[in-house]
Structures are given as C-alpha cells and as structure tokens.
C-alpha cells in the first residue's frame, strides 16, 4: 500500500461525496491507496457514502477530528499518510501523483502540503475569503503563522523560514525553538514511518507532531510546499457556521491544552497582541482588504474585518470562560458539516 487517506467525519454527508469522488478520480492506481473514515457517530448518510467508495470505516468514540486522525494513523498501512478533511476536494487528477513523486525523489522530506487553497469564483463568499487570504482563521494571518499563500502579499507564511525554490515545490527548513507555521491539515501528506515513530496519543494535533520531534531531536526537519492547491469548502457562505467553527477551534485548544505539545498563547504572545490591536483599530483590516481586492478583485475580501471582529469576540469570550473555570466542551451530538 502506497498511501492511506485518513478522513475524520461526523455528519459530513453534505460534503463527503465530493471529497471521495475527487480521491477516486486521481490518476493513481486504486490498489495503491486506502481510504480510512474515522466516524464520530454520524446519523446522516455519511456512512452510506463512505461504503459507496469502499472506505474502511472505524468508530471514533471521542468524536473529535483529532481523535479520528489518531485512530486512523494507528491502523494505516500506507507508506504515506494523507490527512484530508471531509470538506476538502482534490482539485486536479494529478494532485496525488505530484505530491508522492516529490516525496519519492527527495528522501530528506518528512512531508508535503499544498501551497495554497484553490480559489473558485463560483464558491460561497467565506470559502472564497479563505482561499484569498490563505487561512481559515484570520488570527493566523495577522499573527504571521499562516501556512498557505495569500493574495495580499503573495507569501505562504509571515515567519522567517529558510526555503529553497525547487521549481515544482518550495523546500522549507523547520528549526527547533522557533515559532512554526500552522502546517499539518487540509491535504498534508506525511511519511508514515515518521508519524508512527513519533506519535503515540489518543489525539493528533496538526502542528504538535513537528513540535514534539524538534524538541526531542534538536535538529531541523524538511518539508515541501507543493505548488498546487486544495479546495476547502470552509463554511461556504454561512457566518453562523464560521462562528461555530471558531468557537470549536479555541474551545478545543483550551480544553486539550494540557496534552498539547505546542502552546500558542505562550509562543506567540506578540501575535495575540497584534491581532487584538489590528481588529480593534479596524483600519489595518480594511487596508488589507483593499490591497487584496486590487490584487484579486472579489467582494469576499470585505468579510475580513468582520471575520477578525467575530474571531476576537469568540476567542475573548472562550478565554474568559477558561479563566473562570466555566468552559465546557463543544456538544458534538448535533454537529454537522
């Protein structure tokens, strides 16, 4: 087995078929990959769709995507492991082939991921906003830890990362004791032996596996940003869904903080202050929206100040609850994509 796709699901029927269809359409032998669906108890048509594509379905009693990824990694048989979300779509038929060929030809790499989110003019305005800014969370953009190319400054990260352009991909060097970009989700492919050698937990948090390795081995690792995209149908046009996902993101961070390897609020204090001022002052967010609009005209840019404001409110509220010991886990019984 060459590659294992791991897809955590929970009532993902509205998006899963497009995800699986894009995997099935790859110019890659069907016998060389497996699809593992780690399901958190879906009551819609998620499992029916998964069976239609001959996926291996495993039960995820802890329900979270991080727990599902952990279960999938433990049973994966592929040489490589692709972490795909149910609302991801592989945009081209050679997407997988391009990624695997880079890993096969450069043995120093521990993994690869797409350079950008694929922009689709017909998509919902929040999906377009995410593709234009290169982030699902505006905090990552403003604080500089983003890991996808945007149309504001055309960079894939705001951090100082050693990198070499290799034509089809950018080879990056991640060092110990440095702030890292948010690598690890939405189409990231790792070498299976790297994950299985360095991972032993009930939860897989994207950036933590890299942080843990760098802390332990005290030597740099190499990653590739492949010059291709991935579609993330993130929230489509639903502001309600955007708020709900931001709430889930930060609530899970604080609830699982004691088992996380990377402490965002300690390692990126300047980023937290910068994002707060950036949002409250409004002008910086509007300036970036206008700058982005001139580079890639789309009125979705003007969701940016709103997205920042909503994120600041949600994050501040959850942080206050955490400090007051009143923070409760997100109820996933009625969760759906």
Protein backbone atom coordinates (compact mmCIF):
# COMPACT_ATOMS: atom_id res chain seq x y z
CA UNK A 1 0.00 0.00 0.00
CA UNK A 2 1.45 3.36 -1.08
CA UNK A 3 -0.88 5.85 0.60
CA UNK A 4 -3.53 5.93 3.32
CA UNK A 5 -6.12 8.71 3.23
CA UNK A 6 -7.43 9.47 6.71
CA UNK A 7 -10.71 11.39 6.87
CA UNK A 8 -12.44 12.11 10.20
CA UNK A 9 -16.21 12.54 9.85
CA UNK A 10 -19.24 13.50 11.89
CA UNK A 11 -22.45 14.05 9.94
CA UNK A 12 -20.47 15.04 6.86
CA UNK A 13 -22.90 13.80 4.19
CA UNK A 14 -23.23 17.27 2.66
CA UNK A 15 -19.53 17.39 1.71
CA UNK A 16 -18.08 13.87 1.85
CA UNK A 17 -19.15 12.64 -1.59
CA UNK A 18 -17.29 15.43 -3.41
CA UNK A 19 -14.22 14.68 -1.30
CA UNK A 20 -14.25 10.94 -2.02
CA UNK A 21 -15.10 11.45 -5.68
CA UNK A 22 -12.01 13.63 -6.09
CA UNK A 23 -9.86 10.91 -4.50
CA UNK A 24 -11.33 8.22 -6.73
CA UNK A 25 -10.69 10.34 -9.84
CA UNK A 26 -6.94 10.62 -9.19
CA UNK A 27 -4.51 9.35 -11.82
CA UNK A 28 -3.27 6.81 -9.35
CA UNK A 29 -3.83 3.03 -9.20
CA UNK A 30 -6.79 2.22 -6.94
CA UNK A 31 -4.90 -0.74 -5.48
CA UNK A 32 -2.18 1.57 -4.18
CA UNK A 33 -4.29 3.52 -1.70
CA UNK A 34 -6.79 3.02 1.09
CA UNK A 35 -9.40 5.37 2.49
CA UNK A 36 -9.96 5.29 6.25
CA UNK A 37 -13.08 7.03 7.57
CA UNK A 38 -12.90 7.65 11.32
CA UNK A 39 -16.52 8.39 12.15
CA UNK A 40 -17.72 10.03 15.35
CA UNK A 41 -21.25 8.61 15.25
CA UNK A 42 -22.90 10.08 12.17
CA UNK A 43 -26.68 9.79 11.94
CA UNK A 44 -26.98 11.17 8.39
CA UNK A 45 -25.84 9.47 5.15
CA UNK A 46 -22.10 9.78 5.90
CA UNK A 47 -21.50 6.05 6.34
CA UNK A 48 -23.62 5.14 3.33
CA UNK A 49 -21.49 7.45 1.17
CA UNK A 50 -18.27 6.06 2.66
CA UNK A 51 -19.31 2.48 1.83
CA UNK A 52 -20.13 3.52 -1.72
CA UNK A 53 -16.45 4.39 -2.15
CA UNK A 54 -15.23 1.22 -0.40
CA UNK A 55 -13.74 3.13 2.52
CA UNK A 56 -12.61 1.36 5.66
CA UNK A 57 -14.85 2.70 8.44
CA UNK A 58 -13.69 2.81 12.05
CA UNK A 59 -15.55 4.06 15.10
CA UNK A 60 -14.31 7.26 16.75
CA UNK A 61 -15.92 7.33 20.22
CA UNK A 62 -14.13 10.58 21.19
CA UNK A 63 -15.83 12.25 18.18
CA UNK A 64 -13.24 14.99 17.54
CA UNK A 65 -11.32 15.23 14.28
CA UNK A 66 -8.05 14.99 16.22
CA UNK A 67 -9.13 11.72 17.82
CA UNK A 68 -10.25 10.39 14.45
CA UNK A 69 -6.88 11.19 12.87
CA UNK A 70 -5.09 9.43 15.74
CA UNK A 71 -7.15 6.26 15.25
CA UNK A 72 -6.55 6.35 11.50
CA UNK A 73 -2.80 6.79 11.84
CA UNK A 74 -2.56 3.76 14.13
CA UNK A 75 -4.18 1.38 11.64
CA UNK A 76 -2.91 2.93 8.39
CA UNK A 77 -0.90 0.54 6.22
CA UNK A 78 0.36 3.01 3.61
CA UNK A 79 3.91 4.20 3.10
CA UNK A 80 2.46 7.71 3.22
CA UNK A 81 -0.45 9.14 5.20
CA UNK A 82 -2.65 11.90 3.74
CA UNK A 83 -4.67 13.95 6.23
CA UNK A 84 -7.79 15.03 4.38
CA UNK A 85 -10.81 16.78 5.89
CA UNK A 86 -14.27 15.78 4.73
CA UNK A 87 -14.78 19.27 3.27
CA UNK A 88 -11.60 19.06 1.17
CA UNK A 89 -11.63 18.36 -2.57
CA UNK A 90 -8.53 17.43 -4.58
CA UNK A 91 -8.70 19.96 -7.43
CA UNK A 92 -6.79 18.11 -10.18
CA UNK A 93 -6.42 14.49 -11.27
CA UNK A 94 -2.63 14.63 -10.79
CA UNK A 95 -2.79 16.13 -7.29
CA UNK A 96 -1.75 12.91 -5.53
CA UNK A 97 0.79 11.92 -8.16
CA UNK A 98 2.53 15.31 -7.90
CA UNK A 99 2.80 15.07 -4.11
CA UNK A 100 4.01 11.46 -3.97
CA UNK A 101 6.62 11.96 -6.69
CA UNK A 102 8.22 14.75 -4.66
CA UNK A 103 8.38 12.54 -1.56
CA UNK A 104 9.80 9.67 -3.59
CA UNK A 105 12.51 11.85 -5.13
CA UNK A 106 13.57 13.82 -2.05
CA UNK A 107 14.10 11.47 0.87
CA UNK A 108 15.06 14.29 3.23
CA UNK A 109 11.42 15.46 3.36
CA UNK A 110 9.16 14.27 6.17
CA UNK A 111 6.05 15.53 4.40
CA UNK A 112 4.41 17.78 1.82
CA UNK A 113 1.35 20.01 1.67
CA UNK A 114 -0.35 22.28 -0.92
CA UNK A 115 0.99 25.80 -1.25
CA UNK A 116 -2.45 27.44 -1.40
CA UNK A 117 -6.21 26.97 -1.14
CA UNK A 118 -7.74 26.73 -4.60
CA UNK A 119 -9.81 29.81 -5.42
CA UNK A 120 -13.19 29.10 -7.04
CA UNK A 121 -15.11 32.20 -8.25
CA UNK A 122 -18.45 30.39 -8.00
CA UNK A 123 -17.93 29.26 -4.40
CA UNK A 124 -19.54 30.71 -1.27
CA UNK A 125 -18.07 34.01 -0.09
CA UNK A 126 -16.44 32.57 3.05
CA UNK A 127 -14.77 29.79 1.05
CA UNK A 128 -13.51 32.46 -1.35
CA UNK A 129 -12.34 34.60 1.55
CA UNK A 130 -10.39 31.64 2.94
CA UNK A 131 -8.75 30.98 -0.44
CA UNK A 132 -7.91 34.65 -0.95
CA UNK A 133 -6.33 35.09 2.48
CA UNK A 134 -4.83 31.59 2.69
CA UNK A 135 -6.35 30.95 6.11
CA UNK A 136 -9.43 29.56 7.84
CA UNK A 137 -8.65 31.65 10.90
CA UNK A 138 -7.76 35.34 10.45
CA UNK A 139 -5.72 35.19 13.65
CA UNK A 140 -3.18 33.01 11.81
CA UNK A 141 -2.90 35.57 9.00
CA UNK A 142 -2.43 38.60 11.24
CA UNK A 143 -0.05 36.89 13.68
CA UNK A 144 2.04 35.54 10.78
CA UNK A 145 1.78 31.81 11.48
CA UNK A 146 -0.29 31.03 8.38
CA UNK A 147 0.91 28.31 6.01
CA UNK A 148 -0.92 28.94 2.71
CA UNK A 149 -0.19 31.58 0.09
CA UNK A 150 -2.47 34.62 0.05
CA UNK A 151 -3.31 37.40 -2.42
CA UNK A 152 -2.31 40.24 -0.07
CA UNK A 153 1.46 39.83 -0.10
CA UNK A 154 1.66 36.56 -2.12
CA UNK A 155 3.60 34.87 0.68
CA UNK A 156 2.79 31.48 2.20
CA UNK A 157 3.86 32.48 5.71
CA UNK A 158 4.72 35.60 7.70
CA UNK A 159 7.52 33.84 9.59
CA UNK A 160 11.21 33.79 8.71
CA UNK A 161 11.64 30.28 7.33
CA UNK A 162 14.67 29.02 5.40
CA UNK A 163 13.39 27.96 1.99
CA UNK A 164 14.63 26.96 -1.46
CA UNK A 165 12.53 27.09 -4.63
CA UNK A 166 12.78 23.67 -6.30
CA UNK A 167 10.59 24.56 -9.29
CA UNK A 168 7.68 22.21 -8.53
CA UNK A 169 7.84 22.83 -4.79
CA UNK A 170 9.38 25.01 -2.12
CA UNK A 171 11.65 23.12 0.27
CA UNK A 172 11.47 24.55 3.78
CA UNK A 173 13.60 24.01 6.85
CA UNK A 174 11.87 23.93 10.24
CA UNK A 175 14.18 24.51 13.20
CA UNK A 176 13.94 23.75 16.93
CA UNK A 177 12.98 26.54 19.35
CA UNK A 178 11.33 28.70 16.71
CA UNK A 179 7.74 29.73 16.02
CA UNK A 180 6.26 27.41 13.41
CA UNK A 181 3.61 27.91 10.71
CA UNK A 182 0.33 26.00 11.06
CA UNK A 183 1.44 23.01 8.96
CA UNK A 184 -0.41 19.71 9.13
CA UNK A 185 -4.00 19.83 7.84
CA UNK A 186 -6.07 20.09 4.63
CA UNK A 187 -4.08 17.86 2.33
CA UNK A 188 -0.84 17.40 4.26
CA UNK A 189 0.92 14.12 3.47
CA UNK A 190 3.44 12.67 5.94
CA UNK A 191 5.79 9.74 5.65
CA UNK A 192 4.06 7.01 7.61
CA UNK A 193 7.23 5.91 9.40
CA UNK A 194 7.78 9.46 10.67
CA UNK A 195 4.30 9.60 12.20
CA UNK A 196 4.30 6.11 13.66
CA UNK A 197 7.80 6.59 15.12
CA UNK A 198 6.98 9.90 16.80
CA UNK A 199 3.30 9.67 17.64
CA UNK A 200 1.59 7.83 20.48
CA UNK A 201 -1.57 9.56 21.70
CA UNK A 202 -5.35 9.40 21.52
CA UNK A 203 -5.33 12.77 19.71
CA UNK A 204 -3.38 14.01 16.70
CA UNK A 205 -2.90 17.79 16.74
CA UNK A 206 -1.52 19.03 13.44
CA UNK A 207 1.48 21.10 14.44
CA UNK A 208 2.27 19.15 17.61
CA UNK A 209 3.94 16.19 15.90
CA UNK A 210 6.52 18.51 14.34
CA UNK A 211 6.99 20.47 17.57
CA UNK A 212 7.48 17.27 19.54
CA UNK A 213 10.09 15.93 17.12
CA UNK A 214 12.04 19.20 17.02
CA UNK A 215 12.03 19.44 20.83
CA UNK A 216 13.24 15.88 21.22
CA UNK A 217 15.82 15.54 18.44
CA UNK A 218 17.10 19.15 18.49
CA UNK A 219 17.75 19.06 14.75
CA UNK A 220 15.86 20.62 11.83
CA UNK A 221 13.42 18.82 9.59
CA UNK A 222 12.49 19.46 5.96
CA UNK A 223 9.04 19.89 4.46
CA UNK A 224 7.77 20.71 0.97
CA UNK A 225 5.16 23.24 -0.09
CA UNK A 226 3.92 21.75 -3.36
CA UNK A 227 2.95 24.31 -5.99
CA UNK A 228 -0.65 23.19 -6.22
CA UNK A 229 -3.81 23.89 -4.27
CA UNK A 230 -6.53 22.11 -2.39
CA UNK A 231 -10.18 23.06 -2.25
CA UNK A 232 -11.52 23.70 1.23
CA UNK A 233 -15.26 24.37 1.14
CA UNK A 234 -14.86 26.03 4.53
CA UNK A 235 -18.22 27.40 5.77
CA UNK A 236 -19.39 28.18 2.20
CA UNK A 237 -21.40 31.37 2.90
CA UNK A 238 -22.56 30.73 6.45
CA UNK A 239 -21.44 33.28 9.04
CA UNK A 240 -23.17 31.15 11.68
CA UNK A 241 -21.03 28.17 10.71
CA UNK A 242 -17.90 30.37 10.74
CA UNK A 243 -18.63 31.48 14.33
CA UNK A 244 -19.41 27.91 15.36
CA UNK A 245 -16.12 26.62 13.94
CA UNK A 246 -14.11 29.42 15.56
CA UNK A 247 -15.75 28.58 18.87
CA UNK A 248 -14.92 24.91 18.45
CA UNK A 249 -11.33 25.69 17.47
CA UNK A 250 -10.49 27.81 20.52
CA UNK A 251 -12.60 25.79 22.98
CA UNK A 252 -10.82 22.58 21.98
CA UNK A 253 -7.47 24.36 22.27
CA UNK A 254 -8.04 25.30 25.90
CA UNK A 255 -9.71 22.03 26.89
CA UNK A 256 -6.85 19.94 25.48
CA UNK A 257 -4.10 22.40 26.34
CA UNK A 258 -2.57 20.11 28.97
CA UNK A 259 -1.83 17.44 26.36
CA UNK A 260 -0.72 19.79 23.59
CA UNK A 261 2.95 19.99 22.64
CA UNK A 262 2.72 23.50 21.22
CA UNK A 263 1.50 26.28 23.47
CA UNK A 264 0.19 29.01 21.16
CA UNK A 265 -0.57 31.61 23.81
CA UNK A 266 2.95 31.29 25.26
CA UNK A 267 4.87 31.01 21.99
CA UNK A 268 3.02 33.76 20.14
CA UNK A 269 2.17 36.44 22.72
CA UNK A 270 3.15 39.19 20.28
CA UNK A 271 0.76 37.71 17.73
CA UNK A 272 -2.14 37.82 20.19
CA UNK A 273 -1.49 41.48 20.97
CA UNK A 274 -1.03 42.33 17.29
CA UNK A 275 -4.31 40.63 16.31
CA UNK A 276 -6.22 42.40 19.07
CA UNK A 277 -4.97 45.85 18.04
CA UNK A 278 -5.35 45.05 14.33
CA UNK A 279 -9.00 44.14 14.85
CA UNK A 280 -9.99 46.90 17.27
CA UNK A 281 -8.43 49.67 15.16
CA UNK A 282 -10.31 48.36 12.05
CA UNK A 283 -8.17 50.42 9.62
CA UNK A 284 -5.42 47.75 9.24
CA UNK A 285 -8.02 45.08 8.36
CA UNK A 286 -9.71 47.40 5.87
CA UNK A 287 -6.34 48.29 4.34
CA UNK A 288 -5.51 44.59 3.80
CA UNK A 289 -8.98 44.03 2.32
CA UNK A 290 -8.49 46.87 -0.18
CA UNK A 291 -4.94 45.77 -1.01
CA UNK A 292 -6.14 42.22 -1.60
CA UNK A 293 -9.06 43.43 -3.70
CA UNK A 294 -6.71 45.24 -6.08
CA UNK A 295 -4.62 42.08 -6.44
CA UNK A 296 -7.61 39.76 -6.88
CA UNK A 297 -10.96 41.60 -7.20
CA UNK A 298 -13.67 39.90 -5.14
CA UNK A 299 -16.08 41.45 -2.66
CA UNK A 300 -15.38 38.49 -0.34
CA UNK A 301 -12.32 40.47 0.78
CA UNK A 302 -14.57 42.76 2.80
CA UNK A 303 -15.57 39.90 5.06
CA UNK A 304 -12.07 40.18 6.51
CA UNK A 305 -12.73 42.96 9.09
CA UNK A 306 -15.93 41.14 10.11
CA UNK A 307 -14.11 37.80 10.37
CA UNK A 308 -11.44 39.41 12.57
CA UNK A 309 -14.04 41.04 14.81
CA UNK A 310 -16.08 37.84 15.20
CA UNK A 311 -12.93 35.85 15.92
CA UNK A 312 -11.75 38.32 18.56
CA UNK A 313 -15.16 38.23 20.29
CA UNK A 314 -15.35 34.42 20.24
CA UNK A 315 -11.74 33.93 21.35
CA UNK A 316 -12.03 36.52 24.13
CA UNK A 317 -15.28 35.00 25.41
CA UNK A 318 -13.87 31.48 25.47
CA UNK A 319 -10.66 32.67 27.14
CA UNK A 320 -12.69 34.40 29.86
CA UNK A 321 -14.70 31.23 30.46
CA UNK A 322 -11.45 29.25 30.65
CA UNK A 323 -10.03 31.62 33.26
CA UNK A 324 -13.27 31.46 35.26
CA UNK A 325 -13.25 27.63 35.12
CA UNK A 326 -16.62 27.63 33.37
CA UNK A 327 -15.54 26.42 29.94
CA UNK A 328 -17.41 23.36 28.69
CA UNK A 329 -16.70 21.05 25.77
CA UNK A 330 -18.49 21.67 22.50
CA UNK A 331 -21.56 19.44 22.22
CA UNK A 332 -20.87 17.30 19.16
CA UNK A 333 -24.07 15.24 19.35
CA UNK A 334 -25.75 17.52 16.82
CA UNK A 335 -22.63 18.56 14.94
CA UNK A 336 -22.68 18.52 11.15
CA UNK A 337 -20.67 19.95 8.29
